[in-house]
Amino acid sequence: MKKIIIPYPERECPATGKKFVPTRENQIYFDTATQIKHNNEQAKLNRQQLKELNDRIISNKKKINKLYDYMKKNNWKHIHVEHVKFEEVDLHAYSKTSNNAITGGRICWSLDYGIEALDETMTYFYIHKKQTK
């Protein structure tokens, strides 16, 4: 009995751009070596991006910690946006968010420290510190 070979339509390898006729229906790459190389490159890029974000979060934690200490030293309940700008806190780099149960505001956490805008104008901020056991 003869095997019936169903020809698959020609595809383009996403890694090399070469056109090829796959030998399996689910074949995406030209060959296994190309697939492994491409996946390793993608994983390296993902790790690099994750490291950059982690570095930004750790830097934010240090800056917010400094603001928290300054706020407590001066017995302030909140801190002005100018202090936040001076420390160059990155409000787009945080490890998680939560909502303040009392005010309903959004807290952006950088590991152990969180920053919450007190109003829509973002003129004043409250700094939260996680309670350690």
N, C-alpha and C. Protein backbone atom coordinates (compact mmCIF):
# COMPACT_ATOMS: atom_id res chain seq x y z
N MET A 1 0.83 -1.17 0.00
CA MET A 1 0.00 0.00 0.00
C MET A 1 0.89 1.25 0.00
N LYS A 2 0.58 2.18 -0.84
CA LYS A 2 1.33 3.41 -0.96
C LYS A 2 0.84 4.45 0.05
N LYS A 3 1.80 5.20 0.59
CA LYS A 3 1.42 6.31 1.46
C LYS A 3 0.98 7.49 0.61
N ILE A 4 -0.06 8.12 1.05
CA ILE A 4 -0.52 9.31 0.35
C ILE A 4 0.12 10.51 1.03
N ILE A 5 0.90 11.25 0.31
CA ILE A 5 1.57 12.43 0.85
C ILE A 5 0.76 13.66 0.45
N ILE A 6 0.31 14.36 1.47
CA ILE A 6 -0.47 15.57 1.23
C ILE A 6 0.50 16.74 1.25
N PRO A 7 0.68 17.43 0.16
CA PRO A 7 1.60 18.57 0.17
C PRO A 7 0.98 19.73 0.95
N TYR A 8 1.81 20.30 1.79
CA TYR A 8 1.35 21.46 2.57
C TYR A 8 1.71 22.73 1.82
N PRO A 9 0.95 23.78 2.02
CA PRO A 9 1.25 25.02 1.31
C PRO A 9 2.59 25.61 1.78
N GLU A 10 3.22 26.31 0.90
CA GLU A 10 4.51 26.93 1.20
C GLU A 10 4.34 27.97 2.30
N ARG A 11 5.32 28.02 3.21
CA ARG A 11 5.30 28.97 4.33
C ARG A 11 6.60 29.75 4.36
N GLU A 12 6.57 30.79 5.15
CA GLU A 12 7.78 31.59 5.36
C GLU A 12 8.24 31.42 6.80
N CYS A 13 9.51 31.11 6.98
CA CYS A 13 10.07 30.94 8.32
C CYS A 13 10.11 32.29 9.01
N PRO A 14 9.52 32.43 10.23
CA PRO A 14 9.51 33.73 10.90
C PRO A 14 10.89 34.19 11.35
N ALA A 15 11.83 33.27 11.51
CA ALA A 15 13.17 33.63 11.98
C ALA A 15 14.09 34.05 10.84
N THR A 16 14.04 33.32 9.72
CA THR A 16 14.98 33.59 8.63
C THR A 16 14.35 34.29 7.44
N GLY A 17 13.05 34.18 7.29
CA GLY A 17 12.36 34.77 6.15
C GLY A 17 12.40 33.88 4.91
N LYS A 18 13.02 32.70 5.04
CA LYS A 18 13.11 31.77 3.91
C LYS A 18 11.75 31.11 3.67
N LYS A 19 11.44 30.90 2.40
CA LYS A 19 10.22 30.16 2.05
C LYS A 19 10.57 28.68 2.01
N PHE A 20 9.66 27.85 2.51
CA PHE A 20 9.88 26.41 2.54
C PHE A 20 8.55 25.67 2.49
N VAL A 21 8.60 24.41 2.13
CA VAL A 21 7.42 23.55 2.15
C VAL A 21 7.53 22.67 3.38
N PRO A 22 6.61 22.82 4.34
CA PRO A 22 6.70 22.04 5.58
C PRO A 22 6.47 20.55 5.34
N THR A 23 7.07 19.75 6.20
CA THR A 23 6.87 18.30 6.13
C THR A 23 5.77 17.86 7.09
N ARG A 24 5.39 18.75 8.01
CA ARG A 24 4.29 18.47 8.95
C ARG A 24 3.32 19.65 8.89
N GLU A 25 2.10 19.39 9.30
CA GLU A 25 1.07 20.43 9.27
C GLU A 25 1.40 21.58 10.24
N ASN A 26 2.01 21.24 11.39
CA ASN A 26 2.26 22.26 12.41
C ASN A 26 3.68 22.82 12.37
N GLN A 27 4.43 22.57 11.31
CA GLN A 27 5.80 23.07 11.20
C GLN A 27 5.78 24.55 10.87
N ILE A 28 6.47 25.32 11.71
CA ILE A 28 6.49 26.77 11.54
C ILE A 28 7.84 27.24 11.03
N TYR A 29 8.91 26.65 11.56
CA TYR A 29 10.27 27.07 11.23
C TYR A 29 10.87 26.18 10.14
N PHE A 30 11.88 26.70 9.48
CA PHE A 30 12.57 25.99 8.40
C PHE A 30 13.13 24.66 8.89
N ASP A 31 13.80 24.68 10.04
CA ASP A 31 14.33 23.45 10.64
C ASP A 31 14.41 23.62 12.15
N THR A 32 14.76 22.54 12.85
CA THR A 32 14.80 22.54 14.32
C THR A 32 15.86 23.49 14.86
N ALA A 33 17.02 23.52 14.23
CA ALA A 33 18.10 24.39 14.70
C ALA A 33 17.68 25.86 14.64
N THR A 34 16.98 26.25 13.59
CA THR A 34 16.50 27.63 13.45
C THR A 34 15.47 27.93 14.53
N GLN A 35 14.59 26.97 14.81
CA GLN A 35 13.57 27.15 15.84
C GLN A 35 14.22 27.35 17.21
N ILE A 36 15.20 26.53 17.54
CA ILE A 36 15.87 26.63 18.84
C ILE A 36 16.60 27.97 18.95
N LYS A 37 17.32 28.36 17.92
CA LYS A 37 18.05 29.63 17.94
C LYS A 37 17.08 30.80 18.12
N HIS A 38 15.99 30.80 17.37
CA HIS A 38 15.00 31.89 17.45
C HIS A 38 14.37 31.95 18.83
N ASN A 39 13.97 30.79 19.38
CA ASN A 39 13.36 30.77 20.71
C ASN A 39 14.35 31.23 21.79
N ASN A 40 15.62 30.86 21.66
CA ASN A 40 16.64 31.32 22.62
C ASN A 40 16.82 32.83 22.55
N GLU A 41 16.82 33.38 21.34
CA GLU A 41 16.94 34.84 21.18
C GLU A 41 15.75 35.55 21.80
N GLN A 42 14.56 35.02 21.60
CA GLN A 42 13.35 35.62 22.17
C GLN A 42 13.37 35.56 23.69
N ALA A 43 13.83 34.42 24.24
CA ALA A 43 13.90 34.28 25.70
C ALA A 43 14.92 35.26 26.28
N LYS A 44 16.03 35.45 25.59
CA LYS A 44 17.06 36.40 26.05
C LYS A 44 16.50 37.82 26.06
N LEU A 45 15.77 38.18 25.02
CA LEU A 45 15.15 39.50 24.95
C LEU A 45 14.15 39.69 26.08
N ASN A 46 13.32 38.67 26.35
CA ASN A 46 12.34 38.74 27.43
C ASN A 46 13.02 38.90 28.78
N ARG A 47 14.11 38.15 29.00
CA ARG A 47 14.85 38.27 30.27
C ARG A 47 15.45 39.66 30.43
N GLN A 48 15.94 40.23 29.34
CA GLN A 48 16.53 41.57 29.38
C GLN A 48 15.47 42.61 29.73
N GLN A 49 14.30 42.50 29.11
CA GLN A 49 13.23 43.45 29.40
C GLN A 49 12.75 43.31 30.84
N LEU A 50 12.67 42.09 31.33
CA LEU A 50 12.25 41.86 32.71
C LEU A 50 13.28 42.42 33.69
N LYS A 51 14.57 42.26 33.38
CA LYS A 51 15.62 42.80 34.23
C LYS A 51 15.54 44.33 34.29
N GLU A 52 15.31 44.96 33.13
CA GLU A 52 15.19 46.42 33.09
C GLU A 52 14.02 46.89 33.96
N LEU A 53 12.89 46.20 33.88
CA LEU A 53 11.73 46.57 34.70
C LEU A 53 12.04 46.35 36.18
N ASN A 54 12.66 45.23 36.52
CA ASN A 54 13.02 44.97 37.92
C ASN A 54 13.97 46.03 38.45
N ASP A 55 14.93 46.45 37.64
CA ASP A 55 15.86 47.50 38.06
C ASP A 55 15.12 48.81 38.32
N ARG A 56 14.15 49.14 37.46
CA ARG A 56 13.35 50.36 37.66
C ARG A 56 12.54 50.27 38.95
N ILE A 57 11.98 49.10 39.23
CA ILE A 57 11.17 48.92 40.44
C ILE A 57 12.04 49.05 41.69
N ILE A 58 13.21 48.44 41.67
CA ILE A 58 14.12 48.52 42.82
C ILE A 58 14.59 49.95 43.03
N SER A 59 14.88 50.66 41.95
CA SER A 59 15.27 52.06 42.04
C SER A 59 14.13 52.88 42.64
N ASN A 60 12.89 52.62 42.20
CA ASN A 60 11.72 53.31 42.73
C ASN A 60 11.56 53.06 44.22
N LYS A 61 11.78 51.82 44.63
CA LYS A 61 11.65 51.48 46.05
C LYS A 61 12.58 52.34 46.89
N LYS A 62 13.82 52.50 46.43
CA LYS A 62 14.80 53.30 47.17
C LYS A 62 14.38 54.76 47.23
N LYS A 63 13.88 55.27 46.12
CA LYS A 63 13.46 56.68 46.07
C LYS A 63 12.23 56.92 46.96
N ILE A 64 11.26 56.00 46.91
CA ILE A 64 10.06 56.16 47.73
C ILE A 64 10.39 55.97 49.20
N ASN A 65 11.32 55.08 49.51
CA ASN A 65 11.78 54.91 50.89
C ASN A 65 12.37 56.22 51.41
N LYS A 66 13.16 56.88 50.58
CA LYS A 66 13.77 58.15 50.96
C LYS A 66 12.67 59.20 51.24
N LEU A 67 11.67 59.24 50.37
CA LEU A 67 10.56 60.18 50.58
C LEU A 67 9.77 59.84 51.84
N TYR A 68 9.56 58.56 52.08
CA TYR A 68 8.84 58.12 53.28
C TYR A 68 9.58 58.56 54.54
N ASP A 69 10.89 58.34 54.57
CA ASP A 69 11.69 58.76 55.73
C ASP A 69 11.64 60.27 55.92
N TYR A 70 11.72 61.01 54.82
CA TYR A 70 11.67 62.47 54.88
C TYR A 70 10.30 62.94 55.39
N MET A 71 9.26 62.27 54.93
CA MET A 71 7.90 62.61 55.35
C MET A 71 7.72 62.36 56.85
N LYS A 72 8.22 61.22 57.33
CA LYS A 72 8.09 60.89 58.75
C LYS A 72 8.96 61.80 59.62
N LYS A 73 10.16 62.13 59.13
CA LYS A 73 11.07 63.00 59.88
C LYS A 73 10.44 64.38 60.12
N ASN A 74 9.71 64.88 59.14
CA ASN A 74 9.08 66.20 59.23
C ASN A 74 7.64 66.14 59.73
N ASN A 75 7.18 64.95 60.13
CA ASN A 75 5.82 64.75 60.63
C ASN A 75 4.76 65.23 59.64
N TRP A 76 4.99 64.94 58.36
CA TRP A 76 4.00 65.27 57.34
C TRP A 76 3.07 64.10 57.13
N LYS A 77 1.81 64.41 56.80
CA LYS A 77 0.85 63.35 56.50
C LYS A 77 0.92 62.96 55.03
N HIS A 78 1.36 63.88 54.19
CA HIS A 78 1.49 63.63 52.76
C HIS A 78 2.68 64.43 52.23
N ILE A 79 3.04 64.19 50.98
CA ILE A 79 4.21 64.84 50.41
C ILE A 79 3.82 65.50 49.09
N HIS A 80 4.39 66.65 48.81
CA HIS A 80 4.07 67.42 47.61
C HIS A 80 4.71 66.77 46.38
N VAL A 81 4.08 67.00 45.24
CA VAL A 81 4.54 66.42 43.99
C VAL A 81 5.96 66.88 43.63
N GLU A 82 6.35 68.06 44.06
CA GLU A 82 7.69 68.56 43.75
C GLU A 82 8.77 67.67 44.35
N HIS A 83 8.50 67.12 45.52
CA HIS A 83 9.45 66.19 46.14
C HIS A 83 9.53 64.90 45.31
N VAL A 84 8.39 64.44 44.84
CA VAL A 84 8.33 63.22 44.02
C VAL A 84 9.08 63.45 42.71
N LYS A 85 8.88 64.62 42.10
CA LYS A 85 9.59 64.95 40.86
C LYS A 85 11.09 65.08 41.10
N PHE A 86 11.47 65.68 42.22
CA PHE A 86 12.89 65.87 42.52
C PHE A 86 13.60 64.53 42.66
N GLU A 87 12.95 63.58 43.29
CA GLU A 87 13.54 62.24 43.46
C GLU A 87 13.45 61.41 42.18
N GLU A 88 12.72 61.94 41.17
CA GLU A 88 12.54 61.26 39.88
C GLU A 88 11.91 59.87 40.04
N VAL A 89 10.83 59.83 40.84
CA VAL A 89 10.09 58.58 41.02
C VAL A 89 9.37 58.26 39.71
N ASP A 90 9.54 57.05 39.23
CA ASP A 90 8.91 56.58 38.00
C ASP A 90 7.55 56.00 38.37
N LEU A 91 6.49 56.75 38.10
CA LEU A 91 5.15 56.31 38.47
C LEU A 91 4.61 55.22 37.56
N HIS A 92 5.39 54.83 36.55
CA HIS A 92 4.97 53.78 35.62
C HIS A 92 5.68 52.46 35.88
N ALA A 93 6.53 52.42 36.90
CA ALA A 93 7.24 51.18 37.23
C ALA A 93 6.85 50.76 38.64
N TYR A 94 6.10 49.70 38.73
CA TYR A 94 5.66 49.21 40.03
C TYR A 94 5.47 47.71 39.96
N SER A 95 5.53 47.07 41.13
CA SER A 95 5.43 45.60 41.16
C SER A 95 3.98 45.13 41.24
N LYS A 96 3.11 45.94 41.82
CA LYS A 96 1.69 45.61 41.86
C LYS A 96 0.90 46.84 42.24
N THR A 97 -0.42 46.76 42.08
CA THR A 97 -1.30 47.85 42.49
C THR A 97 -2.36 47.30 43.43
N SER A 98 -2.89 48.18 44.23
CA SER A 98 -4.01 47.83 45.09
C SER A 98 -4.85 49.08 45.30
N ASN A 99 -6.03 48.89 45.87
CA ASN A 99 -6.90 50.03 46.16
C ASN A 99 -6.93 50.25 47.66
N ASN A 100 -6.84 51.51 48.05
CA ASN A 100 -6.92 51.88 49.44
C ASN A 100 -8.38 51.69 49.89
N ALA A 101 -8.59 50.88 50.90
CA ALA A 101 -9.95 50.58 51.36
C ALA A 101 -10.63 51.81 51.94
N ILE A 102 -9.87 52.74 52.47
CA ILE A 102 -10.46 53.93 53.10
C ILE A 102 -10.77 55.00 52.07
N THR A 103 -9.78 55.36 51.24
CA THR A 103 -9.98 56.46 50.29
C THR A 103 -10.46 55.98 48.93
N GLY A 104 -10.25 54.72 48.62
CA GLY A 104 -10.61 54.20 47.30
C GLY A 104 -9.58 54.53 46.24
N GLY A 105 -8.48 55.16 46.64
CA GLY A 105 -7.42 55.52 45.70
C GLY A 105 -6.57 54.33 45.30
N ARG A 106 -5.86 54.48 44.22
CA ARG A 106 -4.99 53.43 43.70
C ARG A 106 -3.59 53.59 44.27
N ILE A 107 -3.06 52.51 44.82
CA ILE A 107 -1.71 52.51 45.37
C ILE A 107 -0.82 51.71 44.43
N CYS A 108 0.25 52.34 43.97
CA CYS A 108 1.23 51.67 43.12
C CYS A 108 2.40 51.26 44.00
N TRP A 109 2.60 49.95 44.14
CA TRP A 109 3.62 49.41 45.03
C TRP A 109 4.92 49.14 44.30
N SER A 110 6.01 49.57 44.89
CA SER A 110 7.35 49.21 44.46
C SER A 110 7.94 48.40 45.59
N LEU A 111 7.66 47.11 45.56
CA LEU A 111 8.05 46.15 46.60
C LEU A 111 7.44 46.54 47.93
N ASP A 112 8.19 47.10 48.87
CA ASP A 112 7.67 47.38 50.22
C ASP A 112 7.02 48.75 50.39
N TYR A 113 7.13 49.61 49.38
CA TYR A 113 6.61 50.97 49.49
C TYR A 113 5.60 51.25 48.39
N GLY A 114 4.53 51.94 48.78
CA GLY A 114 3.49 52.29 47.82
C GLY A 114 3.29 53.79 47.79
N ILE A 115 2.88 54.29 46.64
CA ILE A 115 2.62 55.73 46.50
C ILE A 115 1.20 55.89 45.97
N GLU A 116 0.47 56.81 46.60
CA GLU A 116 -0.94 57.03 46.26
C GLU A 116 -1.18 58.52 46.09
N ALA A 117 -1.75 58.89 44.94
CA ALA A 117 -2.12 60.29 44.72
C ALA A 117 -3.37 60.58 45.55
N LEU A 118 -3.38 61.72 46.22
CA LEU A 118 -4.51 62.05 47.08
C LEU A 118 -5.69 62.66 46.32
N ASP A 119 -5.44 63.17 45.11
CA ASP A 119 -6.53 63.71 44.30
C ASP A 119 -6.19 63.56 42.82
N GLU A 120 -7.11 63.97 41.97
CA GLU A 120 -6.92 63.81 40.53
C GLU A 120 -5.82 64.70 39.98
N THR A 121 -5.54 65.81 40.65
CA THR A 121 -4.50 66.73 40.17
C THR A 121 -3.10 66.21 40.47
N MET A 122 -3.00 65.19 41.29
CA MET A 122 -1.73 64.58 41.69
C MET A 122 -0.75 65.63 42.25
N THR A 123 -1.30 66.51 43.10
CA THR A 123 -0.47 67.53 43.74
C THR A 123 0.17 66.99 45.00
N TYR A 124 -0.55 66.16 45.73
CA TYR A 124 -0.03 65.56 46.95
C TYR A 124 -0.13 64.04 46.88
N PHE A 125 0.85 63.41 47.50
CA PHE A 125 0.92 61.95 47.53
C PHE A 125 1.04 61.47 48.96
N TYR A 126 0.49 60.28 49.19
CA TYR A 126 0.70 59.61 50.46
C TYR A 126 1.59 58.40 50.19
N ILE A 127 2.55 58.21 51.08
CA ILE A 127 3.48 57.09 50.94
C ILE A 127 3.07 56.01 51.95
N HIS A 128 2.90 54.80 51.45
CA HIS A 128 2.55 53.65 52.29
C HIS A 128 3.79 52.77 52.48
N LYS A 129 3.88 52.15 53.63
CA LYS A 129 4.94 51.18 53.88
C LYS A 129 4.28 49.89 54.34
N LYS A 130 4.69 48.78 53.73
CA LYS A 130 4.13 47.50 54.15
C LYS A 130 4.54 47.19 55.57
N GLN A 131 3.60 46.68 56.32
CA GLN A 131 3.87 46.30 57.71
C GLN A 131 4.60 44.96 57.73
N THR A 132 5.71 44.92 58.42
CA THR A 132 6.44 43.67 58.55
C THR A 132 6.01 42.98 59.83
N LYS A 133 6.06 41.66 59.80
CA LYS A 133 5.59 40.89 60.95
C LYS A 133 6.62 40.84 62.05
